[in-house]
Amino acid sequence: MVTSVHELDLPMVDTTGMDREQALAAIAEAREQHWLAKTPLGYSLSRHDDCVSLLRDRRFHNALSLLREMNGMEPDDSEDPRRRSILGMEGEDHARLRRLVAPAFTPQAADRLRPFMREVVGGLLDGFHDSGRCELVADLCEPYPIPIICELLGAPQEDWRQFSAWATDIFRIFNQNLAEDLPLVDAAGAELEAYLADLIAARRAAPRQDLLSDLIAVEEAGDRLSTEELVSLAIAVLMAGTDTTRNQLACALALFAEHPDQWALLAERPELAPRAVEEAMRYLGAVRGTVRFAPEDIVFRDVLFPKGTLVFASLAGANRDPDSYQGPDTFDITRERGIQQMTFGSGIHHCMGAALARAELQEALTLLSRRMADLATDGPVEWKPTTFGIWGPARLPLAFTPA
């Protein structure tokens, strides 16, 4: 017999105002009682296998399309369907765009940018290296991903700073303050759309070795992409590859400052960088969770989720599931890669920029561990509010021995 989720006797999880360890403890306590938990907005899963099953179940849709409603605002029925983001699309439209963009985000495609990544992170490090001190978020994490994305898209160096400003404002949509931030989000989006439309026109006239030229070539090969779709894809690339990498790199360095033995091990054995990235993302991921909703009545694991029900996949909880990871609360960069960490998500909405992000983080950690010995915090770490969708240190003062 199927039971409605609303009729189940479930533990309540509300991590508002908790620090990361308190939140993980609350999630773990609820997980021991039931595979589901209530939250202020809906329901939550935190077991690894359940999160994977939910995210791979195409009956549930990405709640990104409900951001306005989740922020207490009226839906925008006037939105042009041609400008829908791939990040919030479903069905065949979403699958089509994923197929078209996938070749640009293979590990091989990301590897071609590794020399440029080393150049960018090395240049930023040179700016503070000799002092033995830095505020890592402002000095390195914030500026690092933008040149990579601009190089990928083919935007010139003189426009990097403007791209960074646009990205910062657009990412306000995830900070649960959309009613106040929407004018900034819309203004940045409109300016970026106009810029990209001009850049696309230039690439149509004179193709180069960049993502936009590749996507235009796909269009001309038969499956035609409109300019609006090309702009939407380019904005999705900026969104998927900027704030996530900024915050994840800061999370990783904060974590290594707490575990100096692991930092020294990475410096000694740089071949561990791929494992170090996966373990940092598992132990302290910048994306703590993702939300799905039921567009119709759905029976999932013999439980009825009525139409409109919000279901939160706790990626942070899944990454610490003792049924999936041995010693989940131990940070160990030598951990064998078995079960995938969940910070990139799973299923059809698995992060399309995962290979690029992995490469950026691997190159940064390899270089920084070699040149910043004896890493330690140099004052209190200021963390962003846990309500932020993409989370990490707001300030990370570090001291180190120049090497």
Protein backbone atom coordinates (compact mmCIF):
# COMPACT_ATOMS: atom_id res chain seq x y z
CA MET A 1 0.00 0.00 0.00
CA VAL A 2 1.32 3.42 -0.95
CA THR A 3 1.45 6.08 1.79
CA SER A 4 1.54 9.82 1.13
CA VAL A 5 4.74 11.45 2.32
CA HIS A 6 2.58 13.97 4.21
CA GLU A 7 1.20 11.15 6.39
CA LEU A 8 4.57 9.74 7.50
CA ASP A 9 5.96 10.30 10.98
CA LEU A 10 9.32 11.80 10.04
CA PRO A 11 12.16 13.52 11.91
CA MET A 12 12.46 17.28 11.37
CA VAL A 13 15.69 18.80 10.03
CA ASP A 14 16.15 22.57 10.05
CA THR A 15 19.80 23.57 9.74
CA THR A 16 19.11 27.32 9.63
CA GLY A 17 21.72 29.12 11.71
CA MET A 18 23.85 26.01 12.29
CA ASP A 19 27.52 25.79 11.44
CA ARG A 20 28.64 23.01 9.13
CA GLU A 21 29.39 20.42 11.84
CA GLN A 22 26.12 21.09 13.67
CA ALA A 23 24.23 20.74 10.39
CA LEU A 24 25.96 17.45 9.54
CA ALA A 25 25.20 16.12 13.03
CA ALA A 26 21.52 17.03 12.67
CA ILE A 27 21.36 15.37 9.25
CA ALA A 28 23.09 12.22 10.57
CA GLU A 29 20.72 11.98 13.53
CA ALA A 30 17.69 12.21 11.26
CA ARG A 31 19.19 9.67 8.83
CA GLU A 32 19.42 7.10 11.61
CA GLN A 33 15.67 7.44 12.24
CA HIS A 34 14.32 7.31 8.67
CA TRP A 35 15.46 7.58 5.05
CA LEU A 36 13.31 10.73 4.77
CA ALA A 37 13.16 13.87 6.88
CA LYS A 38 10.91 16.91 7.00
CA THR A 39 12.35 20.36 6.27
CA PRO A 40 10.77 23.83 6.48
CA LEU A 41 10.04 23.73 2.72
CA GLY A 42 9.46 20.05 2.02
CA TYR A 43 11.38 16.83 2.53
CA SER A 44 15.01 15.76 2.53
CA LEU A 45 17.11 12.73 1.61
CA SER A 46 20.64 12.26 2.97
CA ARG A 47 21.56 8.66 2.27
CA HIS A 48 23.94 8.38 -0.67
CA ASP A 49 22.00 5.76 -2.61
CA ASP A 50 18.68 7.56 -2.09
CA CYS A 51 20.13 10.85 -3.34
CA VAL A 52 21.51 9.13 -6.44
CA SER A 53 18.15 7.47 -7.09
CA LEU A 54 16.27 10.75 -6.71
CA LEU A 55 18.61 12.71 -8.99
CA ARG A 56 18.52 9.99 -11.65
CA ASP A 57 14.74 9.77 -11.57
CA ARG A 58 13.64 11.94 -14.49
CA ARG A 59 10.10 12.17 -13.16
CA PHE A 60 11.39 14.71 -10.63
CA HIS A 61 12.32 18.11 -12.07
CA ASN A 62 15.03 20.57 -11.11
CA ALA A 63 13.58 23.21 -8.79
CA LEU A 64 15.72 25.94 -10.36
CA SER A 65 12.65 26.80 -12.43
CA LEU A 66 10.79 27.54 -9.15
CA LEU A 67 13.32 30.00 -7.73
CA ARG A 68 10.86 32.89 -7.81
CA GLU A 69 8.14 30.95 -6.02
CA MET A 70 10.63 29.57 -3.45
CA ASN A 71 11.57 33.17 -2.67
CA GLY A 72 7.94 34.16 -2.09
CA MET A 73 7.52 35.84 -5.49
CA GLU A 74 4.97 35.41 -8.25
CA PRO A 75 6.06 33.25 -11.23
CA ASP A 76 7.20 35.13 -14.32
CA ASP A 77 4.88 33.90 -17.07
CA SER A 78 6.34 36.39 -19.54
CA GLU A 79 9.71 34.67 -19.79
CA ASP A 80 10.69 33.89 -23.38
CA PRO A 81 10.97 30.06 -23.68
CA ARG A 82 13.85 30.47 -26.12
CA ARG A 83 15.91 32.01 -23.31
CA ARG A 84 15.35 29.24 -20.77
CA SER A 85 18.56 28.11 -19.11
CA ILE A 86 19.81 24.58 -19.69
CA LEU A 87 20.30 24.46 -15.90
CA GLY A 88 16.54 24.51 -15.35
CA MET A 89 15.25 22.70 -18.44
CA GLU A 90 13.81 19.17 -18.57
CA GLY A 91 12.91 16.52 -21.12
CA GLU A 92 14.00 16.38 -24.74
CA ASP A 93 14.84 20.10 -24.94
CA HIS A 94 17.31 19.66 -22.09
CA ALA A 95 18.73 16.41 -23.48
CA ARG A 96 19.28 18.03 -26.89
CA LEU A 97 21.27 20.93 -25.49
CA ARG A 98 23.31 18.60 -23.25
CA ARG A 99 24.22 16.52 -26.31
CA LEU A 100 25.33 19.60 -28.22
CA VAL A 101 27.45 21.06 -25.45
CA ALA A 102 28.90 17.79 -24.13
CA PRO A 103 31.93 17.64 -26.50
CA ALA A 104 33.18 20.95 -25.13
CA PHE A 105 33.28 19.58 -21.58
CA THR A 106 35.08 16.25 -21.91
CA PRO A 107 38.21 15.64 -19.79
CA GLN A 108 40.24 15.92 -22.99
CA ALA A 109 38.76 19.35 -23.73
CA ALA A 110 39.54 20.49 -20.19
CA ASP A 111 43.09 19.16 -20.41
CA ARG A 112 43.84 21.53 -23.29
CA LEU A 113 43.31 24.44 -20.88
CA ARG A 114 45.63 23.11 -18.15
CA PRO A 115 48.70 25.13 -19.26
CA PHE A 116 46.57 28.29 -19.18
CA MET A 117 45.22 27.33 -15.74
CA ARG A 118 48.76 27.02 -14.41
CA GLU A 119 49.64 30.37 -15.93
CA VAL A 120 46.65 32.09 -14.29
CA VAL A 121 47.04 30.59 -10.83
CA GLY A 122 50.80 31.14 -10.93
CA GLY A 123 50.35 34.80 -11.82
CA LEU A 124 47.87 35.32 -8.98
CA LEU A 125 50.15 33.53 -6.52
CA ASP A 126 53.10 35.69 -7.55
CA GLY A 127 51.15 38.72 -6.37
CA PHE A 128 51.35 37.70 -2.69
CA HIS A 129 53.74 34.75 -2.48
CA ASP A 130 56.81 36.51 -1.11
CA SER A 131 54.87 38.07 1.78
CA GLY A 132 53.91 34.70 3.21
CA ARG A 133 50.37 35.93 3.84
CA CYS A 134 47.16 36.36 1.88
CA GLU A 135 43.42 36.63 2.08
CA LEU A 136 42.89 33.74 -0.26
CA VAL A 137 39.30 34.46 -1.33
CA ALA A 138 40.03 37.95 -2.66
CA ASP A 139 43.64 37.33 -3.71
CA LEU A 140 43.17 34.06 -5.60
CA CYS A 141 39.82 32.25 -5.47
CA GLU A 142 37.62 35.09 -6.74
CA PRO A 143 39.74 36.03 -9.79
CA TYR A 144 40.94 32.53 -10.72
CA PRO A 145 38.03 30.93 -12.69
CA ILE A 146 36.98 33.94 -14.78
CA PRO A 147 40.01 33.97 -17.13
CA ILE A 148 39.51 30.22 -17.69
CA ILE A 149 35.85 30.67 -18.66
CA CYS A 150 36.70 33.68 -20.83
CA GLU A 151 39.43 31.68 -22.56
CA LEU A 152 36.92 28.89 -23.13
CA LEU A 153 34.36 31.28 -24.59
CA GLY A 154 36.91 33.36 -26.50
CA ALA A 155 36.34 36.63 -24.61
CA PRO A 156 39.36 38.98 -24.65
CA GLN A 157 41.48 39.59 -21.55
CA GLU A 158 40.40 43.21 -21.19
CA ASP A 159 36.85 42.01 -20.48
CA TRP A 160 37.72 39.59 -17.64
CA ARG A 161 36.93 42.08 -14.88
CA GLN A 162 33.52 42.84 -16.38
CA PHE A 163 32.73 39.12 -16.64
CA SER A 164 33.61 38.73 -12.97
CA ALA A 165 31.22 41.52 -11.99
CA TRP A 166 28.41 40.03 -14.08
CA ALA A 167 28.97 36.59 -12.58
CA THR A 168 28.90 37.96 -9.02
CA ASP A 169 25.57 39.70 -9.59
CA ILE A 170 23.94 36.84 -11.50
CA PHE A 171 24.85 34.37 -8.74
CA ARG A 172 22.76 36.36 -6.29
CA ILE A 173 19.80 34.27 -7.49
CA PHE A 174 21.01 31.45 -5.21
CA ASN A 175 21.29 33.53 -2.01
CA GLN A 176 17.61 33.24 -0.97
CA ASN A 177 17.13 37.01 -1.17
CA LEU A 178 15.81 37.17 -4.73
CA ALA A 179 13.10 39.77 -4.11
CA GLU A 180 15.77 42.31 -3.15
CA ASP A 181 18.51 41.14 -5.52
CA LEU A 182 16.40 40.65 -8.65
CA PRO A 183 17.11 44.12 -10.15
CA LEU A 184 20.86 43.46 -9.96
CA VAL A 185 20.44 39.95 -11.36
CA ASP A 186 18.30 41.19 -14.27
CA ALA A 187 20.61 44.11 -15.07
CA ALA A 188 23.72 41.90 -15.11
CA GLY A 189 21.89 39.30 -17.20
CA ALA A 190 20.76 41.85 -19.77
CA GLU A 191 24.26 43.33 -20.12
CA LEU A 192 25.84 39.88 -20.44
CA GLU A 193 23.26 38.79 -23.02
CA ALA A 194 23.98 41.85 -25.17
CA TYR A 195 27.74 41.28 -24.89
CA LEU A 196 27.43 37.60 -25.83
CA ALA A 197 25.13 38.34 -28.77
CA ASP A 198 27.83 40.64 -30.17
CA LEU A 199 30.53 38.03 -29.51
CA ILE A 200 28.47 35.35 -31.28
CA ALA A 201 27.99 37.62 -34.28
CA ALA A 202 31.76 38.15 -34.41
CA ARG A 203 32.39 34.37 -34.26
CA ARG A 204 29.88 33.73 -37.03
CA ALA A 205 31.89 36.09 -39.21
CA ALA A 206 35.31 34.83 -38.09
CA PRO A 207 35.37 31.49 -36.20
CA ARG A 208 38.18 30.77 -33.73
CA GLN A 209 39.29 27.88 -31.52
CA ASP A 210 36.75 28.47 -28.74
CA LEU A 211 33.47 27.13 -27.40
CA LEU A 212 31.21 29.60 -29.19
CA SER A 213 32.77 28.82 -32.55
CA ASP A 214 32.33 25.09 -31.85
CA LEU A 215 28.65 25.54 -30.98
CA ILE A 216 28.06 27.66 -34.06
CA ALA A 217 29.66 24.89 -36.14
CA VAL A 218 27.27 22.38 -34.60
CA GLU A 219 24.41 24.67 -35.56
CA GLU A 220 25.61 24.85 -39.13
CA ALA A 221 26.06 21.06 -39.24
CA GLY A 222 22.31 20.54 -39.05
CA ASP A 223 20.87 20.90 -35.56
CA ARG A 224 20.37 24.60 -35.58
CA LEU A 225 20.89 26.61 -32.42
CA SER A 226 19.38 30.07 -32.33
CA THR A 227 21.37 33.05 -31.10
CA GLU A 228 19.14 33.03 -27.99
CA GLU A 229 20.09 29.40 -27.30
CA LEU A 230 23.78 30.13 -27.84
CA VAL A 231 23.57 33.05 -25.41
CA SER A 232 21.74 30.89 -22.87
CA LEU A 233 24.37 28.15 -23.14
CA ALA A 234 27.20 30.64 -22.72
CA ILE A 235 25.56 32.09 -19.59
CA ALA A 236 25.08 28.55 -18.25
CA VAL A 237 28.80 27.91 -18.79
CA LEU A 238 29.62 31.07 -16.85
CA MET A 239 27.24 30.10 -14.04
CA ALA A 240 28.34 26.46 -13.88
CA GLY A 241 32.05 27.23 -13.97
CA THR A 242 32.61 30.34 -11.86
CA ASP A 243 31.16 30.57 -8.37
CA THR A 244 31.34 26.83 -7.83
CA THR A 245 35.09 26.72 -8.50
CA ARG A 246 35.73 29.89 -6.48
CA ASN A 247 34.01 28.50 -3.42
CA GLN A 248 35.26 24.93 -3.75
CA LEU A 249 38.88 26.05 -3.96
CA ALA A 250 38.41 28.19 -0.83
CA CYS A 251 36.72 25.27 0.95
CA ALA A 252 39.63 23.01 0.02
CA LEU A 253 42.29 25.43 1.30
CA ALA A 254 40.37 26.02 4.54
CA LEU A 255 40.21 22.26 4.97
CA PHE A 256 43.91 21.77 4.27
CA ALA A 257 44.75 24.51 6.79
CA GLU A 258 42.93 22.35 9.35
CA HIS A 259 44.90 19.26 8.22
CA PRO A 260 48.54 20.33 7.72
CA ASP A 261 49.70 16.72 7.45
CA GLN A 262 47.53 16.24 4.36
CA TRP A 263 48.87 19.49 2.85
CA ALA A 264 52.46 18.35 3.36
CA LEU A 265 51.60 14.98 1.85
CA LEU A 266 50.14 16.63 -1.25
CA ALA A 267 53.28 18.76 -1.67
CA GLU A 268 55.39 15.64 -1.39
CA ARG A 269 53.19 13.57 -3.70
CA PRO A 270 51.58 15.85 -6.33
CA GLU A 271 50.22 12.80 -8.13
CA LEU A 272 47.61 12.71 -5.34
CA ALA A 273 46.00 15.94 -6.61
CA PRO A 274 43.07 14.17 -8.36
CA ARG A 275 42.28 12.23 -5.18
CA ALA A 276 42.74 15.37 -3.09
CA VAL A 277 40.14 17.20 -5.16
CA GLU A 278 37.59 14.40 -4.84
CA GLU A 279 38.19 14.06 -1.11
CA ALA A 280 37.95 17.81 -0.48
CA MET A 281 34.69 17.93 -2.43
CA ARG A 282 33.35 14.96 -0.50
CA TYR A 283 34.37 16.20 2.93
CA LEU A 284 33.57 19.88 2.44
CA GLY A 285 31.62 20.55 -0.74
CA ALA A 286 30.71 24.06 -1.88
CA VAL A 287 27.34 22.79 -3.13
CA ARG A 288 25.62 21.40 -0.03
CA GLY A 289 22.44 20.21 -1.70
CA THR A 290 20.07 20.45 -4.63
CA VAL A 291 16.28 20.56 -4.85
CA ARG A 292 13.81 18.64 -7.00
CA PHE A 293 10.04 18.90 -7.20
CA ALA A 294 7.26 16.58 -8.29
CA PRO A 295 5.55 18.03 -11.42
CA GLU A 296 2.88 15.35 -10.94
CA ASP A 297 2.04 12.72 -8.31
CA ILE A 298 5.09 10.41 -8.08
CA VAL A 299 5.55 7.15 -6.18
CA PHE A 300 9.19 6.89 -5.11
CA ARG A 301 10.34 4.05 -2.85
CA ASP A 302 6.71 3.14 -2.15
CA VAL A 303 5.95 6.66 -0.92
CA LEU A 304 3.60 9.03 -2.74
CA PHE A 305 5.03 12.50 -3.36
CA PRO A 306 2.03 14.62 -4.39
CA LYS A 307 2.31 17.11 -7.24
CA GLY A 308 4.28 20.19 -6.16
CA THR A 309 6.21 18.49 -3.34
CA LEU A 310 9.77 19.78 -2.88
CA VAL A 311 12.44 17.15 -2.20
CA PHE A 312 15.93 18.25 -1.08
CA ALA A 313 18.91 15.99 -1.83
CA SER A 314 21.44 16.67 0.91
CA LEU A 315 24.70 16.25 -0.99
CA ALA A 316 26.70 17.11 2.13
CA GLY A 317 24.83 14.42 4.06
CA ALA A 318 25.25 11.87 1.27
CA ASN A 319 28.98 12.58 1.17
CA ARG A 320 29.22 11.56 4.84
CA ASP A 321 26.97 8.49 4.64
CA PRO A 322 28.68 5.73 6.67
CA ASP A 323 26.93 3.08 4.56
CA SER A 324 28.77 4.34 1.48
CA TYR A 325 32.12 5.61 2.78
CA GLN A 326 34.46 3.96 5.26
CA GLY A 327 35.40 6.47 7.94
CA PRO A 328 33.31 9.24 6.36
CA ASP A 329 34.33 11.85 8.95
CA THR A 330 38.06 11.37 8.25
CA PHE A 331 39.73 13.62 5.67
CA ASP A 332 42.20 11.44 3.76
CA ILE A 333 43.55 12.40 0.35
CA THR A 334 44.88 8.87 -0.20
CA ARG A 335 41.30 7.53 -0.11
CA GLU A 336 40.68 5.18 -3.04
CA ARG A 337 38.09 6.46 -5.49
CA GLY A 338 35.26 3.99 -5.27
CA ILE A 339 31.85 5.56 -4.82
CA GLN A 340 31.71 8.98 -6.46
CA GLN A 341 31.40 12.01 -4.22
CA MET A 342 28.07 13.78 -4.71
CA THR A 343 29.01 17.46 -4.88
CA PHE A 344 28.71 17.45 -8.69
CA GLY A 345 25.25 15.91 -8.40
CA SER A 346 24.04 12.94 -10.43
CA GLY A 347 21.76 12.06 -13.29
CA ILE A 348 20.77 14.27 -16.22
CA HIS A 349 21.62 17.45 -14.29
CA HIS A 350 25.09 16.24 -13.23
CA CYS A 351 27.40 19.26 -13.45
CA MET A 352 28.30 19.63 -17.12
CA GLY A 353 31.50 21.48 -16.18
CA ALA A 354 32.77 18.76 -13.82
CA ALA A 355 35.85 17.92 -15.91
CA LEU A 356 36.78 21.60 -16.21
CA ALA A 357 36.30 22.19 -12.47
CA ARG A 358 38.37 19.11 -11.60
CA ALA A 359 41.20 20.30 -13.84
CA GLU A 360 41.12 23.82 -12.36
CA LEU A 361 41.18 22.51 -8.79
CA GLN A 362 43.89 19.93 -9.50
CA GLU A 363 46.19 22.47 -11.12
CA ALA A 364 45.64 25.02 -8.34
CA LEU A 365 46.21 22.56 -5.48
CA THR A 366 49.32 21.11 -7.12
CA LEU A 367 50.96 24.53 -7.53
CA LEU A 368 49.80 26.00 -4.21
CA SER A 369 50.91 22.99 -2.13
CA ARG A 370 54.37 23.18 -3.69
CA ARG A 371 54.84 26.92 -3.12
CA MET A 372 52.88 27.53 0.12
CA ALA A 373 54.48 25.35 2.79
CA ASP A 374 53.35 25.20 6.44
CA LEU A 375 49.84 26.41 5.56
CA ALA A 376 47.84 27.78 8.49
CA THR A 377 44.98 30.17 9.11
CA ASP A 378 46.10 33.70 9.97
CA GLY A 379 43.00 34.85 11.81
CA PRO A 380 39.35 33.79 11.97
CA VAL A 381 37.78 32.30 8.84
CA GLU A 382 34.55 34.06 7.91
CA TRP A 383 32.02 31.70 6.30
CA LYS A 384 29.14 32.69 4.05
CA PRO A 385 25.64 32.12 5.43
CA THR A 386 24.50 28.51 5.17
CA THR A 387 21.46 29.77 3.23
CA PHE A 388 23.73 30.45 0.23
CA GLY A 389 23.21 27.87 -2.50
CA ILE A 390 26.92 27.89 -3.36
CA TRP A 391 28.79 28.15 -0.10
CA GLY A 392 32.30 28.62 1.25
CA PRO A 393 34.58 31.08 3.06
CA ALA A 394 33.83 34.77 2.60
CA ARG A 395 37.30 35.54 4.01
CA LEU A 396 40.17 33.09 4.41
CA PRO A 397 43.32 34.69 5.86
CA LEU A 398 46.29 32.35 5.50
CA ALA A 399 49.94 32.36 6.51
CA PHE A 400 52.56 30.13 4.93
CA THR A 401 56.26 29.69 4.28
CA PRO A 402 57.15 30.80 0.74
CA ALA A 403 58.70 27.86 -1.06
